[in-house]
Amino acid sequence: MRKLKYRYSNKKLSRGEPPNFSGQHLMHNKKTIQEVISRSSINKNETIVELGAGKGALTEALASTSREVLAVEYDQKYVDVLRRKFIQSNNVKVIQQDIMKFRLPKKKFVVVSNIPYAITTPILKMLLSNPKSGFQRGVIVVERGAAKRFTAKYFKDAYVLAWRMWFDLRLEKSVPKEHFSPPPKVDSAILSIKRKEAPVIAYQHAQLFQNMSHHLLKFPQAPMGMALRGIFTVPQIKHLRNSLGVNNEFPVGSLNEKQWAKVLETMIQYVPQSSWPKRKKR
């Protein structure tokens, strides 16, 4: 992964607003904060991770609902504010850390965050790409465009497809840009994530599925007959199309989660391991 560099924006700020650090827009609207808390359905005994705690508006609400809140923040100015605010709170631990270097808890945990928009996808990859992690569910405020992409029926990105094999992602509600300081250029959304009770793909096949989907989604608009050709033989493709109920021209990116599971099952059953897609280590 390319090393991320966090820098303060050179943009002139007004009304004493904090610098927009790493694409971070502080949520200040009390109604929206309460909406996030309500949708989180936090159990008192759960461990909550907040990535990008800012000045603690959301942290404060989380502290009253959970026995343990890990508030992760990188900006020294915000860290100082957080430590002053929660100096007497035994259940809030302020962690000054680059989010992408933060070690997620090994035990089960929930994420409730208004994350820095500049690193939305890397954060979601950190949480969702390893289905064996302790991450159970989350309510995360992201750009609305990102939320729509993560929840779309048409798959353009193999990593989003992989997430959806193990987690349910749902765009719950749009959030106006005026509910943040400084306001982002676009509207935001509340994205809910919940681990599936029954995963579509077994966790043990996670890497194999990621390799396969990465190979097949290089061109999401490619028709089935062409996309599958690199792995399956012509008779296998015909058999697979019939079992999926699609024709030769059906775009591979339009397959749903259950259909993708069938593709993997067919590959494991009929294709020699020597022909299974492999991703080069970077």
C-alpha atoms as a PDB file:
ATOM      1  CA  MET A   1       0.000   0.000   0.000  1.00  0.00           C
ATOM      2  CA  ARG A   2       1.253   3.471  -0.842  1.00  0.00           C
ATOM      3  CA  LYS A   3       2.354   5.304   2.265  1.00  0.00           C
ATOM      4  CA  LEU A   4      -0.203   7.926   3.221  1.00  0.00           C
ATOM      5  CA  LYS A   5       1.031  11.382   4.137  1.00  0.00           C
ATOM      6  CA  TYR A   6      -1.173  13.536   6.319  1.00  0.00           C
ATOM      7  CA  ARG A   7      -0.868  17.263   5.813  1.00  0.00           C
ATOM      8  CA  TYR A   8      -2.757  20.318   6.895  1.00  0.00           C
ATOM      9  CA  SER A   9      -4.703  22.014   4.155  1.00  0.00           C
ATOM     10  CA  ASN A  10      -3.395  25.398   2.998  1.00  0.00           C
ATOM     11  CA  LYS A  11      -6.977  26.585   2.710  1.00  0.00           C
ATOM     12  CA  LYS A  12      -7.746  29.728   4.727  1.00  0.00           C
ATOM     13  CA  LEU A  13     -10.212  28.947   7.485  1.00  0.00           C
ATOM     14  CA  SER A  14     -12.816  31.193   9.049  1.00  0.00           C
ATOM     15  CA  ARG A  15     -14.862  31.267  12.295  1.00  0.00           C
ATOM     16  CA  GLY A  16     -12.007  29.612  14.173  1.00  0.00           C
ATOM     17  CA  GLU A  17     -12.568  26.293  12.381  1.00  0.00           C
ATOM     18  CA  PRO A  18      -9.880  23.632  12.787  1.00  0.00           C
ATOM     19  CA  PRO A  19      -7.702  22.709   9.810  1.00  0.00           C
ATOM     20  CA  ASN A  20      -9.181  20.030   7.569  1.00  0.00           C
ATOM     21  CA  PHE A  21      -6.778  17.317   8.640  1.00  0.00           C
ATOM     22  CA  SER A  22      -6.630  14.320   6.301  1.00  0.00           C
ATOM     23  CA  GLY A  23     -10.055  15.093   4.877  1.00  0.00           C
ATOM     24  CA  GLN A  24     -11.621  15.209   8.339  1.00  0.00           C
ATOM     25  CA  HIS A  25     -14.908  17.082   8.734  1.00  0.00           C
ATOM     26  CA  LEU A  26     -16.035  17.341  12.342  1.00  0.00           C
ATOM     27  CA  MET A  27     -19.659  16.404  12.880  1.00  0.00           C
ATOM     28  CA  HIS A  28     -21.374  18.899  15.158  1.00  0.00           C
ATOM     29  CA  ASN A  29     -25.113  18.446  14.547  1.00  0.00           C
ATOM     30  CA  LYS A  30     -26.594  16.908  17.697  1.00  0.00           C
ATOM     31  CA  LYS A  31     -29.502  15.280  15.867  1.00  0.00           C
ATOM     32  CA  THR A  32     -27.149  13.499  13.449  1.00  0.00           C
ATOM     33  CA  ILE A  33     -24.862  12.397  16.291  1.00  0.00           C
ATOM     34  CA  GLN A  34     -27.859  10.917  18.102  1.00  0.00           C
ATOM     35  CA  GLU A  35     -28.966   9.231  14.864  1.00  0.00           C
ATOM     36  CA  VAL A  36     -25.565   7.538  14.572  1.00  0.00           C
ATOM     37  CA  ILE A  37     -25.712   6.383  18.205  1.00  0.00           C
ATOM     38  CA  SER A  38     -29.260   5.098  17.815  1.00  0.00           C
ATOM     39  CA  ARG A  39     -28.427   3.070  14.705  1.00  0.00           C
ATOM     40  CA  SER A  40     -25.375   1.603  16.450  1.00  0.00           C
ATOM     41  CA  SER A  41     -27.555  -0.324  18.955  1.00  0.00           C
ATOM     42  CA  ILE A  42     -24.621  -0.496  21.351  1.00  0.00           C
ATOM     43  CA  ASN A  43     -24.569  -3.124  24.040  1.00  0.00           C
ATOM     44  CA  LYS A  44     -23.152  -1.831  27.329  1.00  0.00           C
ATOM     45  CA  ASN A  45     -20.551  -4.605  27.378  1.00  0.00           C
ATOM     46  CA  GLU A  46     -19.193  -3.995  23.864  1.00  0.00           C
ATOM     47  CA  THR A  47     -15.854  -2.462  22.957  1.00  0.00           C
ATOM     48  CA  ILE A  48     -16.298   0.528  20.653  1.00  0.00           C
ATOM     49  CA  VAL A  49     -13.580   1.782  18.319  1.00  0.00           C
ATOM     50  CA  GLU A  50     -13.888   5.341  17.040  1.00  0.00           C
ATOM     51  CA  LEU A  51     -11.535   6.112  14.156  1.00  0.00           C
ATOM     52  CA  GLY A  52     -10.909   9.843  13.791  1.00  0.00           C
ATOM     53  CA  ALA A  53     -12.401  11.077  17.062  1.00  0.00           C
ATOM     54  CA  GLY A  54     -11.781  14.763  16.321  1.00  0.00           C
ATOM     55  CA  LYS A  55     -12.810  16.926  19.272  1.00  0.00           C
ATOM     56  CA  GLY A  56     -14.975  14.224  20.818  1.00  0.00           C
ATOM     57  CA  ALA A  57     -18.569  15.156  19.956  1.00  0.00           C
ATOM     58  CA  LEU A  58     -19.359  11.564  19.000  1.00  0.00           C
ATOM     59  CA  THR A  59     -16.980  10.149  21.639  1.00  0.00           C
ATOM     60  CA  GLU A  60     -18.977  11.839  24.387  1.00  0.00           C
ATOM     61  CA  ALA A  61     -22.180  10.151  23.272  1.00  0.00           C
ATOM     62  CA  LEU A  62     -20.418   6.792  22.927  1.00  0.00           C
ATOM     63  CA  ALA A  63     -18.936   7.053  26.428  1.00  0.00           C
ATOM     64  CA  SER A  64     -22.401   7.095  27.961  1.00  0.00           C
ATOM     65  CA  THR A  65     -23.423   3.875  26.203  1.00  0.00           C
ATOM     66  CA  SER A  66     -20.366   1.578  26.366  1.00  0.00           C
ATOM     67  CA  ARG A  67     -17.954   0.281  28.975  1.00  0.00           C
ATOM     68  CA  GLU A  68     -14.938   0.794  26.685  1.00  0.00           C
ATOM     69  CA  VAL A  69     -14.347   3.373  23.952  1.00  0.00           C
ATOM     70  CA  LEU A  70     -11.058   3.466  22.048  1.00  0.00           C
ATOM     71  CA  ALA A  71     -10.893   6.978  20.586  1.00  0.00           C
ATOM     72  CA  VAL A  72      -8.225   7.037  17.874  1.00  0.00           C
ATOM     73  CA  GLU A  73      -7.003  10.453  16.701  1.00  0.00           C
ATOM     74  CA  TYR A  74      -3.826  11.566  14.931  1.00  0.00           C
ATOM     75  CA  ASP A  75      -3.962  15.390  15.141  1.00  0.00           C
ATOM     76  CA  GLN A  76      -2.155  16.644  18.260  1.00  0.00           C
ATOM     77  CA  LYS A  77      -4.559  19.574  18.683  1.00  0.00           C
ATOM     78  CA  TYR A  78      -7.552  17.262  18.773  1.00  0.00           C
ATOM     79  CA  VAL A  79      -5.750  14.745  20.998  1.00  0.00           C
ATOM     80  CA  ASP A  80      -5.142  17.498  23.570  1.00  0.00           C
ATOM     81  CA  VAL A  81      -8.841  18.404  23.496  1.00  0.00           C
ATOM     82  CA  LEU A  82      -9.862  14.753  23.902  1.00  0.00           C
ATOM     83  CA  ARG A  83      -7.524  14.143  26.834  1.00  0.00           C
ATOM     84  CA  ARG A  84      -8.807  17.207  28.666  1.00  0.00           C
ATOM     85  CA  LYS A  85     -12.422  16.328  27.977  1.00  0.00           C
ATOM     86  CA  PHE A  86     -12.166  12.699  29.115  1.00  0.00           C
ATOM     87  CA  ILE A  87      -9.539  12.985  31.851  1.00  0.00           C
ATOM     88  CA  GLN A  88     -12.017  11.671  34.407  1.00  0.00           C
ATOM     89  CA  SER A  89     -13.687   9.078  32.149  1.00  0.00           C
ATOM     90  CA  ASN A  90     -12.460   5.606  33.016  1.00  0.00           C
ATOM     91  CA  ASN A  91     -14.125   4.012  29.990  1.00  0.00           C
ATOM     92  CA  VAL A  92     -12.543   6.259  27.310  1.00  0.00           C
ATOM     93  CA  LYS A  93      -9.009   5.596  26.121  1.00  0.00           C
ATOM     94  CA  VAL A  94      -7.572   8.297  23.863  1.00  0.00           C
ATOM     95  CA  ILE A  95      -5.041   6.850  21.422  1.00  0.00           C
ATOM     96  CA  GLN A  96      -2.843   9.159  19.362  1.00  0.00           C
ATOM     97  CA  GLN A  97      -2.208   7.069  16.295  1.00  0.00           C
ATOM     98  CA  ASP A  98      -2.201   7.124  12.517  1.00  0.00           C
ATOM     99  CA  ILE A  99      -5.471   5.283  11.781  1.00  0.00           C
ATOM    100  CA  MET A 100      -3.843   3.092   9.158  1.00  0.00           C
ATOM    101  CA  LYS A 101      -1.227   1.954  11.700  1.00  0.00           C
ATOM    102  CA  PHE A 102      -3.720   1.333  14.483  1.00  0.00           C
ATOM    103  CA  ARG A 103      -3.867  -2.295  15.599  1.00  0.00           C
ATOM    104  CA  LEU A 104      -7.464  -3.423  15.716  1.00  0.00           C
ATOM    105  CA  PRO A 105      -8.504  -5.289  18.879  1.00  0.00           C
ATOM    106  CA  LYS A 106      -8.169  -9.066  18.715  1.00  0.00           C
ATOM    107  CA  LYS A 107     -11.385  -9.427  20.690  1.00  0.00           C
ATOM    108  CA  LYS A 108     -14.804  -8.648  19.250  1.00  0.00           C
ATOM    109  CA  PHE A 109     -15.431  -4.939  18.659  1.00  0.00           C
ATOM    110  CA  VAL A 110     -17.792  -2.454  17.027  1.00  0.00           C
ATOM    111  CA  VAL A 111     -16.774   0.623  15.019  1.00  0.00           C
ATOM    112  CA  VAL A 112     -18.759   3.849  15.314  1.00  0.00           C
ATOM    113  CA  SER A 113     -17.007   6.699  13.539  1.00  0.00           C
ATOM    114  CA  ASN A 114     -17.100   9.807  11.417  1.00  0.00           C
ATOM    115  CA  ILE A 115     -13.978   8.857   9.486  1.00  0.00           C
ATOM    116  CA  PRO A 116     -11.586  11.113   7.519  1.00  0.00           C
ATOM    117  CA  TYR A 117     -12.958  11.046   3.960  1.00  0.00           C
ATOM    118  CA  ALA A 118      -9.509  11.099   2.356  1.00  0.00           C
ATOM    119  CA  ILE A 119      -8.823   7.552   3.564  1.00  0.00           C
ATOM    120  CA  THR A 120     -12.323   6.051   3.443  1.00  0.00           C
ATOM    121  CA  THR A 121     -11.483   3.062   1.249  1.00  0.00           C
ATOM    122  CA  PRO A 122      -8.247   2.132   3.109  1.00  0.00           C
ATOM    123  CA  ILE A 123     -10.137   2.222   6.409  1.00  0.00           C
ATOM    124  CA  LEU A 124     -12.935   0.003   5.073  1.00  0.00           C
ATOM    125  CA  LYS A 125     -10.357  -2.410   3.651  1.00  0.00           C
ATOM    126  CA  MET A 126      -8.672  -2.564   7.056  1.00  0.00           C
ATOM    127  CA  LEU A 127     -11.992  -3.453   8.700  1.00  0.00           C
ATOM    128  CA  LEU A 128     -13.605  -5.722   6.123  1.00  0.00           C
ATOM    129  CA  SER A 129     -10.966  -7.507   4.044  1.00  0.00           C
ATOM    130  CA  ASN A 130     -10.139 -10.034   6.770  1.00  0.00           C
ATOM    131  CA  PRO A 131     -13.405 -11.773   7.732  1.00  0.00           C
ATOM    132  CA  LYS A 132     -11.648 -13.622  10.564  1.00  0.00           C
ATOM    133  CA  SER A 133     -11.013 -10.382  12.480  1.00  0.00           C
ATOM    134  CA  GLY A 134     -12.904  -9.351  15.620  1.00  0.00           C
ATOM    135  CA  PHE A 135     -14.922  -6.710  13.746  1.00  0.00           C
ATOM    136  CA  GLN A 136     -18.630  -7.406  14.235  1.00  0.00           C
ATOM    137  CA  ARG A 137     -20.481  -4.399  12.909  1.00  0.00           C
ATOM    138  CA  GLY A 138     -20.227  -0.654  12.455  1.00  0.00           C
ATOM    139  CA  VAL A 139     -22.025   2.605  11.830  1.00  0.00           C
ATOM    140  CA  ILE A 140     -19.745   4.893   9.876  1.00  0.00           C
ATOM    141  CA  VAL A 141     -20.255   8.336   8.359  1.00  0.00           C
ATOM    142  CA  VAL A 142     -18.709   8.527   4.883  1.00  0.00           C
ATOM    143  CA  GLU A 143     -19.132  10.472   1.659  1.00  0.00           C
ATOM    144  CA  ARG A 144     -22.501   9.658   0.098  1.00  0.00           C
ATOM    145  CA  GLY A 145     -20.850   8.702  -3.189  1.00  0.00           C
ATOM    146  CA  ALA A 146     -18.659   6.163  -1.411  1.00  0.00           C
ATOM    147  CA  ALA A 147     -21.650   4.732   0.477  1.00  0.00           C
ATOM    148  CA  LYS A 148     -23.552   4.306  -2.808  1.00  0.00           C
ATOM    149  CA  ARG A 149     -20.572   2.540  -4.400  1.00  0.00           C
ATOM    150  CA  PHE A 150     -20.127   0.178  -1.450  1.00  0.00           C
ATOM    151  CA  THR A 151     -23.834  -0.796  -1.480  1.00  0.00           C
ATOM    152  CA  ALA A 152     -24.511  -0.906  -5.246  1.00  0.00           C
ATOM    153  CA  LYS A 153     -25.940  -4.031  -6.885  1.00  0.00           C
ATOM    154  CA  TYR A 154     -23.412  -3.745  -9.724  1.00  0.00           C
ATOM    155  CA  PHE A 155     -19.868  -4.651  -8.699  1.00  0.00           C
ATOM    156  CA  LYS A 156     -16.975  -2.658 -10.125  1.00  0.00           C
ATOM    157  CA  ASP A 157     -14.412  -3.402  -7.421  1.00  0.00           C
ATOM    158  CA  ALA A 158     -13.372  -6.886  -6.341  1.00  0.00           C
ATOM    159  CA  TYR A 159     -12.691  -5.742  -2.771  1.00  0.00           C
ATOM    160  CA  VAL A 160     -16.246  -4.410  -2.374  1.00  0.00           C
ATOM    161  CA  LEU A 161     -17.604  -7.732  -3.644  1.00  0.00           C
ATOM    162  CA  ALA A 162     -15.423  -9.590  -1.128  1.00  0.00           C
ATOM    163  CA  TRP A 163     -16.740  -7.430   1.730  1.00  0.00           C
ATOM    164  CA  ARG A 164     -20.298  -8.222   0.730  1.00  0.00           C
ATOM    165  CA  MET A 165     -19.719 -11.964   0.932  1.00  0.00           C
ATOM    166  CA  TRP A 166     -19.246 -11.671   4.704  1.00  0.00           C
ATOM    167  CA  PHE A 167     -20.902  -8.392   5.684  1.00  0.00           C
ATOM    168  CA  ASP A 168     -24.194  -6.642   4.969  1.00  0.00           C
ATOM    169  CA  LEU A 169     -23.602  -3.016   3.967  1.00  0.00           C
ATOM    170  CA  ARG A 170     -26.475  -0.561   3.881  1.00  0.00           C
ATOM    171  CA  LEU A 171     -26.806   3.147   3.149  1.00  0.00           C
ATOM    172  CA  GLU A 172     -29.047   4.219   5.997  1.00  0.00           C
ATOM    173  CA  LYS A 173     -29.464   7.950   5.565  1.00  0.00           C
ATOM    174  CA  SER A 174     -27.941  10.974   3.834  1.00  0.00           C
ATOM    175  CA  VAL A 175     -26.340  13.665   5.983  1.00  0.00           C
ATOM    176  CA  PRO A 176     -26.270  17.308   4.785  1.00  0.00           C
ATOM    177  CA  LYS A 177     -22.854  18.951   4.422  1.00  0.00           C
ATOM    178  CA  GLU A 178     -23.988  21.706   6.818  1.00  0.00           C
ATOM    179  CA  HIS A 179     -23.828  19.213   9.697  1.00  0.00           C
ATOM    180  CA  PHE A 180     -20.018  19.344   9.621  1.00  0.00           C
ATOM    181  CA  SER A 181     -17.238  21.842  10.268  1.00  0.00           C
ATOM    182  CA  PRO A 182     -15.621  22.568   7.942  1.00  0.00           C
ATOM    183  CA  PRO A 183     -18.431  21.433   5.618  1.00  0.00           C
ATOM    184  CA  PRO A 184     -17.369  18.929   2.934  1.00  0.00           C
ATOM    185  CA  LYS A 185     -18.014  19.714  -0.727  1.00  0.00           C
ATOM    186  CA  VAL A 186     -20.529  16.878  -1.012  1.00  0.00           C
ATOM    187  CA  ASP A 187     -23.232  15.332   1.141  1.00  0.00           C
ATOM    188  CA  SER A 188     -22.390  12.457   3.442  1.00  0.00           C
ATOM    189  CA  ALA A 189     -24.213   9.326   4.491  1.00  0.00           C
ATOM    190  CA  ILE A 190     -24.565   6.952   7.417  1.00  0.00           C
ATOM    191  CA  LEU A 191     -23.291   3.536   6.346  1.00  0.00           C
ATOM    192  CA  SER A 192     -24.211   0.534   8.479  1.00  0.00           C
ATOM    193  CA  ILE A 193     -22.178  -2.675   8.383  1.00  0.00           C
ATOM    194  CA  LYS A 194     -23.143  -5.962   9.982  1.00  0.00           C
ATOM    195  CA  ARG A 195     -21.424  -9.322   9.873  1.00  0.00           C
ATOM    196  CA  LYS A 196     -23.641 -11.890   8.145  1.00  0.00           C
ATOM    197  CA  GLU A 197     -24.926 -14.659  10.414  1.00  0.00           C
ATOM    198  CA  ALA A 198     -24.228 -17.112   7.583  1.00  0.00           C
ATOM    199  CA  PRO A 199     -21.389 -15.960   5.283  1.00  0.00           C
ATOM    200  CA  VAL A 200     -21.971 -16.452   1.566  1.00  0.00           C
ATOM    201  CA  ILE A 201     -18.382 -17.710   1.251  1.00  0.00           C
ATOM    202  CA  ALA A 202     -16.649 -19.684   4.002  1.00  0.00           C
ATOM    203  CA  TYR A 203     -13.912 -17.693   5.740  1.00  0.00           C
ATOM    204  CA  GLN A 204     -11.379 -20.369   4.811  1.00  0.00           C
ATOM    205  CA  HIS A 205     -11.887 -19.493   1.128  1.00  0.00           C
ATOM    206  CA  ALA A 206     -11.405 -15.741   1.620  1.00  0.00           C
ATOM    207  CA  GLN A 207      -8.056 -15.431  -0.154  1.00  0.00           C
ATOM    208  CA  LEU A 208      -9.057 -17.785  -2.961  1.00  0.00           C
ATOM    209  CA  PHE A 209     -12.261 -15.836  -3.566  1.00  0.00           C
ATOM    210  CA  GLN A 210     -10.406 -12.517  -3.539  1.00  0.00           C
ATOM    211  CA  ASN A 211      -7.939 -13.865  -6.116  1.00  0.00           C
ATOM    212  CA  MET A 212     -10.753 -15.127  -8.352  1.00  0.00           C
ATOM    213  CA  SER A 213     -12.933 -12.026  -8.134  1.00  0.00           C
ATOM    214  CA  HIS A 214      -9.951  -9.733  -8.721  1.00  0.00           C
ATOM    215  CA  HIS A 215      -9.206 -11.666 -11.910  1.00  0.00           C
ATOM    216  CA  LEU A 216     -12.806 -11.731 -13.172  1.00  0.00           C
ATOM    217  CA  LEU A 217     -13.627  -8.096 -12.341  1.00  0.00           C
ATOM    218  CA  LYS A 218     -10.738  -6.540 -14.250  1.00  0.00           C
ATOM    219  CA  PHE A 219     -13.432  -5.600 -16.763  1.00  0.00           C
ATOM    220  CA  PRO A 220     -16.780  -5.602 -14.884  1.00  0.00           C
ATOM    221  CA  GLN A 221     -18.732  -4.834 -18.051  1.00  0.00           C
ATOM    222  CA  ALA A 222     -17.277  -7.867 -19.882  1.00  0.00           C
ATOM    223  CA  PRO A 223     -19.845 -10.492 -20.929  1.00  0.00           C
ATOM    224  CA  MET A 224     -19.815 -13.775 -19.016  1.00  0.00           C
ATOM    225  CA  GLY A 225     -18.535 -15.824 -21.924  1.00  0.00           C
ATOM    226  CA  MET A 226     -15.451 -13.629 -22.241  1.00  0.00           C
ATOM    227  CA  ALA A 227     -14.789 -12.960 -18.536  1.00  0.00           C
ATOM    228  CA  LEU A 228     -14.825 -16.617 -17.508  1.00  0.00           C
ATOM    229  CA  ARG A 229     -12.655 -17.791 -20.370  1.00  0.00           C
ATOM    230  CA  GLY A 230      -9.383 -17.318 -18.531  1.00  0.00           C
ATOM    231  CA  ILE A 231     -10.324 -19.850 -15.836  1.00  0.00           C
ATOM    232  CA  PHE A 232     -13.000 -22.165 -17.192  1.00  0.00           C
ATOM    233  CA  THR A 233     -13.222 -24.295 -20.336  1.00  0.00           C
ATOM    234  CA  VAL A 234     -16.014 -23.690 -22.846  1.00  0.00           C
ATOM    235  CA  PRO A 235     -18.100 -26.648 -21.573  1.00  0.00           C
ATOM    236  CA  GLN A 236     -17.595 -25.490 -17.993  1.00  0.00           C
ATOM    237  CA  ILE A 237     -18.721 -21.986 -18.910  1.00  0.00           C
ATOM    238  CA  LYS A 238     -21.868 -23.367 -20.529  1.00  0.00           C
ATOM    239  CA  HIS A 239     -22.622 -25.456 -17.443  1.00  0.00           C
ATOM    240  CA  LEU A 240     -21.977 -22.477 -15.159  1.00  0.00           C
ATOM    241  CA  ARG A 241     -24.175 -20.128 -17.205  1.00  0.00           C
ATOM    242  CA  ASN A 242     -27.030 -22.607 -17.053  1.00  0.00           C
ATOM    243  CA  SER A 243     -26.720 -23.027 -13.276  1.00  0.00           C
ATOM    244  CA  LEU A 244     -26.598 -19.244 -12.815  1.00  0.00           C
ATOM    245  CA  GLY A 245     -29.521 -18.622 -15.158  1.00  0.00           C
ATOM    246  CA  VAL A 246     -27.701 -16.046 -17.310  1.00  0.00           C
ATOM    247  CA  ASN A 247     -26.752 -15.848 -20.968  1.00  0.00           C
ATOM    248  CA  ASN A 248     -23.351 -15.472 -22.579  1.00  0.00           C
ATOM    249  CA  GLU A 249     -23.676 -11.662 -22.844  1.00  0.00           C
ATOM    250  CA  PHE A 250     -24.593 -11.078 -19.192  1.00  0.00           C
ATOM    251  CA  PRO A 251     -22.064  -8.598 -17.636  1.00  0.00           C
ATOM    252  CA  VAL A 252     -19.918 -10.297 -15.007  1.00  0.00           C
ATOM    253  CA  GLY A 253     -20.225  -7.230 -12.740  1.00  0.00           C
ATOM    254  CA  SER A 254     -23.992  -7.784 -12.533  1.00  0.00           C
ATOM    255  CA  LEU A 255     -23.744 -11.156 -10.781  1.00  0.00           C
ATOM    256  CA  ASN A 256     -25.148 -11.113  -7.244  1.00  0.00           C
ATOM    257  CA  GLU A 257     -23.443 -12.505  -4.148  1.00  0.00           C
ATOM    258  CA  LYS A 258     -25.055 -15.959  -4.362  1.00  0.00           C
ATOM    259  CA  GLN A 259     -24.129 -16.258  -8.031  1.00  0.00           C
ATOM    260  CA  TRP A 260     -20.526 -15.375  -7.213  1.00  0.00           C
ATOM    261  CA  ALA A 261     -20.515 -18.103  -4.574  1.00  0.00           C
ATOM    262  CA  LYS A 262     -21.640 -20.552  -7.258  1.00  0.00           C
ATOM    263  CA  VAL A 263     -18.776 -19.452  -9.527  1.00  0.00           C
ATOM    264  CA  LEU A 264     -16.279 -20.156  -6.736  1.00  0.00           C
ATOM    265  CA  GLU A 265     -17.895 -23.498  -5.921  1.00  0.00           C
ATOM    266  CA  THR A 266     -17.700 -24.524  -9.583  1.00  0.00           C
ATOM    267  CA  MET A 267     -14.068 -23.483  -9.845  1.00  0.00           C
ATOM    268  CA  ILE A 268     -13.093 -25.469  -6.745  1.00  0.00           C
ATOM    269  CA  GLN A 269     -15.002 -28.523  -7.955  1.00  0.00           C
ATOM    270  CA  TYR A 270     -14.046 -28.629 -11.639  1.00  0.00           C
ATOM    271  CA  VAL A 271     -10.973 -26.476 -12.318  1.00  0.00           C
ATOM    272  CA  PRO A 272      -7.485 -27.862 -11.531  1.00  0.00           C
ATOM    273  CA  GLN A 273      -5.693 -25.869  -8.821  1.00  0.00           C
ATOM    274  CA  SER A 274      -2.913 -25.068 -11.274  1.00  0.00           C
ATOM    275  CA  SER A 275      -5.439 -22.953 -13.206  1.00  0.00           C
ATOM    276  CA  TRP A 276      -6.803 -21.060 -10.203  1.00  0.00           C
ATOM    277  CA  PRO A 277      -6.034 -17.312 -10.352  1.00  0.00           C
ATOM    278  CA  LYS A 278      -3.191 -16.088  -8.172  1.00  0.00           C
ATOM    279  CA  ARG A 279      -2.346 -12.518  -7.239  1.00  0.00           C
ATOM    280  CA  LYS A 280       1.226 -11.350  -7.274  1.00  0.00           C
ATOM    281  CA  LYS A 281       2.553 -10.302  -3.876  1.00  0.00           C
ATOM    282  CA  ARG A 282       3.429  -6.623  -3.705  1.00  0.00           C
END
